[in-house]
Amino acid sequence: MDFYQAAGKMALGSRLRKLSDTVTEDALKIYGLYNVKLEPRWFPVFYMLAEKERLAVTEIAQEIGQTHASVSQIVKEMKKQDLVMETKDAKDGRKTMLSLSEKGKAMVPNLKQQVTDVQQAVEDLFREMQYDLWKAMEETEFLLGQQNLFERVKNKMKARESEQVIIQAYEPEHQTRFRDLNVEWIEHYFKLEKKDLESLNDPKGYILDKGGHILVAAYKGEIMGVCALLKMDNETYELAKMAVSPAAQGKSIGWLLGKACIEKAKALGAKKLFLESNTKLVPAINLYHKLGFKKIVGKPSPYERSNIQMELVLD
């Protein structure tokens, strides 16, 4: 069975490399056909210098979309073959400019003939195709520029793993986990305060008996995240004590808990959700913004660590 048929789109990189290897192998023969002694990967740098005569490495890198280090290595190899020369910029003596040497310039006429013939041959190839490969490559590069393949795969992984997360109501046996998860993150960034201990040591008396609710997130049977709704008045609840185990980061547990708490608050007839946090917790603040919370200026906080208050008006 053909590997690429079996592996499918998972083998995108391998298949592109295979195609690249095939084209590169032919390119070496084509350079020989025109007596142009260039390595195929030198072509973008050589072509830019042939067209614009004098350029800095940084300028070439920007033009051809390669790294400064990659272009520098190519230039180093080309210098060994006496194809390029370096001079100081007349306006800025600290800036090194590159240009083709006499040997390099002597190759330009043959290269231009090669470019013309290759262009026509490739256009013929594309006309034989059902799909426009060039446009597809341009579109692929654009879309990967919007979101690279790593991020796309990571999002799929998060989506798959988040399907295994179950949000459920707090039970008395969850009290230790509720406390431990919160203590873990608070002590990692700040210090545990008296106000924390009131709710963490007695969630039933401090939260539940006062009309509040606690939700927990189970992943593969283990409680990995918690969040509480503290009743402030008949129309307002505070989103508080959200904590997710570091071992479960990247599984959208915070997002799922936040959404579940919002839906729970709506079901309770709440008109607003309030929360307090610290701008040091950038991922948390980003999550709250994503959930729809807006910064407000409220009453003084009972928490020393709090430096931002946010509110969500419920539909």
Protein backbone atom coordinates (compact mmCIF):
# COMPACT_ATOMS: atom_id res chain seq x y z
CA MET A 1 0.00 0.00 0.00
CA ASP A 2 1.31 3.44 -0.94
CA PHE A 3 2.50 5.26 2.21
CA TYR A 4 0.87 8.56 1.27
CA GLN A 5 -2.47 6.90 0.60
CA ALA A 6 -2.27 5.12 3.97
CA ALA A 7 -1.05 8.07 6.04
CA GLY A 8 -3.29 10.59 4.30
CA LYS A 9 -3.05 14.31 5.03
CA MET A 10 -1.01 13.56 8.15
CA ALA A 11 1.92 13.16 5.75
CA LEU A 12 1.54 16.63 4.22
CA GLY A 13 5.07 17.70 5.17
CA SER A 14 6.61 14.45 3.96
CA ARG A 15 4.77 14.62 0.66
CA LEU A 16 5.79 18.25 0.10
CA ARG A 17 9.40 17.28 0.82
CA LYS A 18 9.12 14.41 -1.67
CA LEU A 19 7.80 16.79 -4.32
CA SER A 20 10.51 19.30 -3.43
CA ASP A 21 13.19 16.63 -3.73
CA THR A 22 11.87 15.64 -7.15
CA VAL A 23 11.88 19.25 -8.39
CA THR A 24 15.31 19.92 -6.86
CA GLU A 25 16.78 16.85 -8.54
CA ASP A 26 15.55 18.10 -11.92
CA ALA A 27 16.70 21.63 -11.10
CA LEU A 28 20.29 20.41 -10.70
CA LYS A 29 20.14 18.88 -14.19
CA ILE A 30 18.58 22.05 -15.60
CA TYR A 31 21.35 24.26 -14.20
CA GLY A 32 23.84 21.96 -15.87
CA LEU A 33 21.92 22.21 -19.14
CA TYR A 34 22.46 25.99 -19.18
CA ASN A 35 25.98 25.84 -17.73
CA VAL A 36 24.86 27.79 -14.67
CA LYS A 37 26.89 26.59 -11.72
CA LEU A 38 24.41 27.31 -8.93
CA GLU A 39 22.95 25.24 -6.15
CA PRO A 40 19.14 25.38 -6.47
CA ARG A 41 18.75 26.86 -3.00
CA TRP A 42 21.05 29.74 -3.96
CA PHE A 43 18.71 30.84 -6.72
CA PRO A 44 16.53 33.33 -4.75
CA VAL A 45 19.61 35.19 -3.44
CA PHE A 46 21.38 35.14 -6.82
CA TYR A 47 18.22 36.29 -8.61
CA MET A 48 17.69 39.24 -6.21
CA LEU A 49 21.28 40.41 -6.69
CA ALA A 50 20.98 40.03 -10.47
CA GLU A 51 17.83 42.17 -10.44
CA LYS A 52 18.72 44.83 -7.84
CA GLU A 53 22.54 44.73 -7.97
CA ARG A 54 23.32 45.80 -4.36
CA LEU A 55 21.44 44.58 -1.31
CA ALA A 56 22.06 43.88 2.36
CA VAL A 57 21.43 40.43 3.81
CA THR A 58 18.46 41.77 5.77
CA GLU A 59 16.89 43.18 2.61
CA ILE A 60 17.32 39.90 0.75
CA ALA A 61 15.86 37.92 3.66
CA GLN A 62 12.77 40.16 3.72
CA GLU A 63 12.30 39.94 -0.04
CA ILE A 64 12.54 36.14 -0.32
CA GLY A 65 10.86 35.29 3.00
CA GLN A 66 13.79 33.47 4.58
CA THR A 67 15.60 34.03 7.86
CA HIS A 68 18.65 36.27 8.16
CA ALA A 69 20.68 33.24 9.30
CA SER A 70 19.61 31.17 6.27
CA VAL A 71 20.52 33.92 3.80
CA SER A 72 23.84 34.53 5.55
CA GLN A 73 24.72 30.84 5.18
CA ILE A 74 23.85 30.90 1.47
CA VAL A 75 25.94 34.04 0.95
CA LYS A 76 28.84 32.37 2.75
CA GLU A 77 28.63 29.40 0.37
CA MET A 78 28.35 31.65 -2.67
CA LYS A 79 31.40 33.66 -1.58
CA LYS A 80 33.44 30.45 -1.51
CA GLN A 81 32.56 30.04 -5.20
CA ASP A 82 33.48 33.68 -5.88
CA LEU A 83 29.94 34.54 -6.98
CA VAL A 84 29.31 37.48 -4.65
CA MET A 85 31.34 40.32 -3.18
CA GLU A 86 30.91 42.56 -0.15
CA THR A 87 31.32 46.33 0.09
CA LYS A 88 30.54 48.90 2.76
CA ASP A 89 27.51 51.10 2.23
CA ALA A 90 28.53 54.62 1.20
CA LYS A 91 25.95 56.19 3.53
CA ASP A 92 26.39 53.86 6.48
CA GLY A 93 29.84 52.34 6.94
CA ARG A 94 28.46 49.81 9.41
CA LYS A 95 26.23 48.28 6.75
CA THR A 96 27.61 45.57 4.44
CA MET A 97 26.21 45.44 0.92
CA LEU A 98 26.29 42.44 -1.39
CA SER A 99 26.60 42.34 -5.15
CA LEU A 100 27.48 39.81 -7.80
CA SER A 101 31.15 39.37 -8.62
CA GLU A 102 32.38 39.43 -12.21
CA LYS A 103 32.11 35.64 -12.23
CA GLY A 104 28.53 35.90 -10.97
CA LYS A 105 27.59 38.57 -13.50
CA ALA A 106 28.96 36.39 -16.31
CA MET A 107 26.36 33.74 -15.40
CA VAL A 108 23.40 36.12 -15.63
CA PRO A 109 22.72 35.88 -19.42
CA ASN A 110 22.56 32.07 -19.30
CA LEU A 111 20.45 32.21 -16.16
CA LYS A 112 17.96 34.56 -17.82
CA GLN A 113 17.56 32.12 -20.70
CA GLN A 114 17.07 29.35 -18.17
CA VAL A 115 14.46 31.37 -16.29
CA THR A 116 12.52 32.04 -19.49
CA ASP A 117 12.49 28.40 -20.54
CA VAL A 118 11.67 27.10 -17.07
CA GLN A 119 8.83 29.63 -16.76
CA GLN A 120 7.29 28.39 -20.02
CA ALA A 121 7.78 24.73 -19.09
CA VAL A 122 6.12 25.22 -15.70
CA GLU A 123 3.22 27.10 -17.29
CA ASP A 124 2.75 24.17 -19.69
CA LEU A 125 2.80 21.81 -16.70
CA PHE A 126 0.15 23.86 -14.89
CA ARG A 127 -2.05 23.92 -17.98
CA GLU A 128 -2.04 20.13 -17.94
CA MET A 129 -3.29 20.15 -14.35
CA GLN A 130 -6.91 20.08 -13.24
CA TYR A 131 -6.05 22.32 -10.28
CA ASP A 132 -3.91 25.48 -10.16
CA LEU A 133 -1.02 24.47 -7.91
CA TRP A 134 0.49 27.96 -7.83
CA LYS A 135 -2.71 29.60 -6.62
CA ALA A 136 -3.25 26.78 -4.15
CA MET A 137 0.24 27.37 -2.74
CA GLU A 138 -0.42 31.09 -2.43
CA GLU A 139 -3.68 30.43 -0.64
CA THR A 140 -2.06 27.84 1.65
CA GLU A 141 0.74 30.25 2.58
CA PHE A 142 -1.80 32.99 3.29
CA LEU A 143 -3.95 30.77 5.48
CA LEU A 144 -0.95 29.41 7.38
CA GLY A 145 0.13 33.01 7.91
CA GLN A 146 -3.24 33.63 9.60
CA GLN A 147 -2.88 30.52 11.75
CA ASN A 148 0.05 28.15 11.43
CA LEU A 149 -0.28 24.39 11.29
CA PHE A 150 0.99 23.94 14.85
CA GLU A 151 -1.80 26.13 16.24
CA ARG A 152 -4.38 24.38 14.06
CA VAL A 153 -3.31 20.95 15.31
CA LYS A 154 -3.16 22.17 18.92
CA ASN A 155 -6.74 23.46 18.64
CA LYS A 156 -7.90 20.09 17.31
CA MET A 157 -6.14 18.36 20.19
CA LYS A 158 -7.81 20.71 22.70
CA ALA A 159 -11.21 20.17 21.11
CA ARG A 160 -10.80 16.39 21.25
CA GLU A 161 -9.61 16.39 24.84
CA SER A 162 -12.27 18.87 25.94
CA GLU A 163 -14.91 16.35 24.82
CA GLN A 164 -13.71 14.18 27.72
CA VAL A 165 -14.33 16.96 30.25
CA ILE A 166 -17.53 16.58 32.27
CA ILE A 167 -18.92 19.56 34.20
CA GLN A 168 -20.92 18.55 37.24
CA ALA A 169 -22.34 19.95 40.46
CA TYR A 170 -20.22 20.04 43.60
CA GLU A 171 -20.59 17.20 46.09
CA PRO A 172 -19.25 17.09 49.69
CA GLU A 173 -16.51 14.66 48.62
CA HIS A 174 -15.11 17.36 46.33
CA GLN A 175 -14.26 19.71 49.22
CA THR A 176 -10.62 18.65 49.55
CA ARG A 177 -10.03 18.93 45.80
CA PHE A 178 -11.80 22.32 45.73
CA ARG A 179 -9.47 23.58 48.43
CA ASP A 180 -6.27 22.04 47.09
CA LEU A 181 -6.67 23.31 43.52
CA ASN A 182 -7.28 26.86 44.74
CA VAL A 183 -4.46 26.81 47.29
CA GLU A 184 -2.09 25.53 44.61
CA TRP A 185 -2.60 28.44 42.19
CA ILE A 186 -2.94 31.16 44.85
CA GLU A 187 0.31 30.21 46.57
CA HIS A 188 2.07 29.90 43.22
CA TYR A 189 1.40 33.55 42.34
CA PHE A 190 0.42 35.29 45.60
CA LYS A 191 -0.21 34.42 49.22
CA LEU A 192 -3.20 32.76 50.83
CA GLU A 193 -5.43 35.33 52.55
CA LYS A 194 -7.93 35.06 55.39
CA LYS A 195 -10.78 35.67 52.96
CA ASP A 196 -9.65 32.66 50.91
CA LEU A 197 -9.66 30.32 53.89
CA GLU A 198 -13.25 31.26 54.79
CA SER A 199 -14.61 29.81 51.56
CA LEU A 200 -12.04 27.07 50.97
CA ASN A 201 -12.33 25.54 54.43
CA ASP A 202 -16.11 25.77 54.53
CA PRO A 203 -17.58 25.94 51.02
CA LYS A 204 -20.94 24.67 52.27
CA GLY A 205 -21.38 27.37 54.89
CA TYR A 206 -19.73 30.22 53.01
CA ILE A 207 -20.98 29.53 49.46
CA LEU A 208 -23.72 26.92 49.18
CA ASP A 209 -25.84 27.78 52.24
CA LYS A 210 -25.86 31.43 51.14
CA GLY A 211 -27.44 30.62 47.78
CA GLY A 212 -24.24 30.05 45.83
CA HIS A 213 -23.16 27.14 43.72
CA ILE A 214 -19.95 25.29 42.88
CA LEU A 215 -19.21 23.45 39.66
CA VAL A 216 -16.39 20.96 39.14
CA ALA A 217 -14.75 19.69 35.95
CA ALA A 218 -13.82 16.02 35.74
CA TYR A 219 -11.31 14.82 33.17
CA LYS A 220 -10.98 11.05 32.80
CA GLY A 221 -12.71 10.63 36.13
CA GLU A 222 -10.50 13.04 38.11
CA ILE A 223 -11.54 16.52 39.28
CA MET A 224 -9.14 18.86 37.47
CA GLY A 225 -10.99 22.17 37.72
CA VAL A 226 -13.40 24.02 40.00
CA CYS A 227 -15.35 27.27 39.99
CA ALA A 228 -17.87 28.92 42.30
CA LEU A 229 -20.81 31.28 41.97
CA LEU A 230 -21.20 33.42 45.11
CA LYS A 231 -24.59 35.07 45.51
CA MET A 232 -24.21 38.83 45.99
CA ASP A 233 -27.90 39.74 45.67
CA ASN A 234 -30.93 38.47 43.78
CA GLU A 235 -29.61 39.73 40.45
CA THR A 236 -25.83 39.43 40.83
CA TYR A 237 -23.44 36.53 41.37
CA GLU A 238 -19.68 36.60 41.73
CA LEU A 239 -17.61 34.23 39.61
CA ALA A 240 -14.92 33.13 42.04
CA LYS A 241 -12.49 30.44 43.06
CA MET A 242 -11.84 29.23 39.52
CA ALA A 243 -8.83 26.91 39.53
CA VAL A 244 -7.52 24.39 37.03
CA SER A 245 -4.80 21.85 37.71
CA PRO A 246 -1.53 22.58 35.84
CA ALA A 247 -1.65 18.94 34.73
CA ALA A 248 -4.84 19.70 32.79
CA GLN A 249 -3.84 22.95 31.11
CA GLY A 250 -4.68 23.17 27.42
CA LYS A 251 -7.88 21.15 27.64
CA SER A 252 -10.23 24.17 27.66
CA ILE A 253 -11.33 23.38 31.22
CA GLY A 254 -11.33 27.04 32.27
CA TRP A 255 -13.43 27.96 29.24
CA LEU A 256 -15.89 25.11 29.84
CA LEU A 257 -16.23 25.98 33.53
CA GLY A 258 -16.74 29.66 32.71
CA LYS A 259 -19.43 28.91 30.13
CA ALA A 260 -21.15 26.50 32.51
CA CYS A 261 -21.16 29.08 35.30
CA ILE A 262 -22.65 31.69 32.97
CA GLU A 263 -25.44 29.32 31.96
CA LYS A 264 -26.02 28.42 35.62
CA ALA A 265 -26.26 32.11 36.58
CA LYS A 266 -28.80 32.70 33.80
CA ALA A 267 -30.85 29.74 35.01
CA LEU A 268 -30.84 31.28 38.50
CA GLY A 269 -32.26 34.50 37.08
CA ALA A 270 -29.09 36.56 37.49
CA LYS A 271 -28.70 39.75 35.50
CA LYS A 272 -24.96 40.25 36.08
CA LEU A 273 -21.80 38.33 36.89
CA PHE A 274 -18.94 39.99 38.76
CA LEU A 275 -15.37 38.88 39.32
CA GLU A 276 -12.07 40.05 40.76
CA SER A 277 -8.63 39.08 39.52
CA ASN A 278 -5.10 40.32 38.98
CA THR A 279 -3.64 41.55 35.69
CA LYS A 280 -0.58 39.40 36.38
CA LEU A 281 -2.75 36.42 35.44
CA VAL A 282 -2.74 37.15 31.71
CA PRO A 283 -4.29 33.84 30.53
CA ALA A 284 -7.11 34.23 33.06
CA ILE A 285 -7.81 37.84 32.03
CA ASN A 286 -7.83 36.79 28.38
CA LEU A 287 -10.29 34.02 29.23
CA TYR A 288 -12.62 36.46 31.00
CA HIS A 289 -12.51 38.82 28.03
CA LYS A 290 -13.29 35.89 25.73
CA LEU A 291 -16.27 35.01 27.95
CA GLY A 292 -17.55 38.57 27.54
CA PHE A 293 -16.48 40.24 30.80
CA LYS A 294 -15.64 43.96 30.75
CA LYS A 295 -13.44 45.92 33.15
CA ILE A 296 -15.32 48.05 35.68
CA VAL A 297 -14.51 50.13 38.75
CA GLY A 298 -16.35 48.65 41.70
CA LYS A 299 -16.20 48.68 45.48
CA PRO A 300 -12.87 48.19 47.29
CA SER A 301 -11.82 44.55 47.18
CA PRO A 302 -11.44 42.40 50.31
CA TYR A 303 -8.47 40.72 48.57
CA GLU A 304 -5.02 42.24 48.73
CA ARG A 305 -4.04 40.65 45.40
CA SER A 306 -7.01 42.01 43.44
CA ASN A 307 -6.23 44.88 41.05
CA ILE A 308 -8.97 44.42 38.45
CA GLN A 309 -12.73 43.99 38.63
CA MET A 310 -14.85 42.80 35.72
CA GLU A 311 -18.53 42.41 34.96
CA LEU A 312 -20.68 40.49 32.50
CA VAL A 313 -24.21 41.69 31.79
CA LEU A 314 -26.34 38.62 31.10
CA ASP A 315 -28.93 38.52 28.33
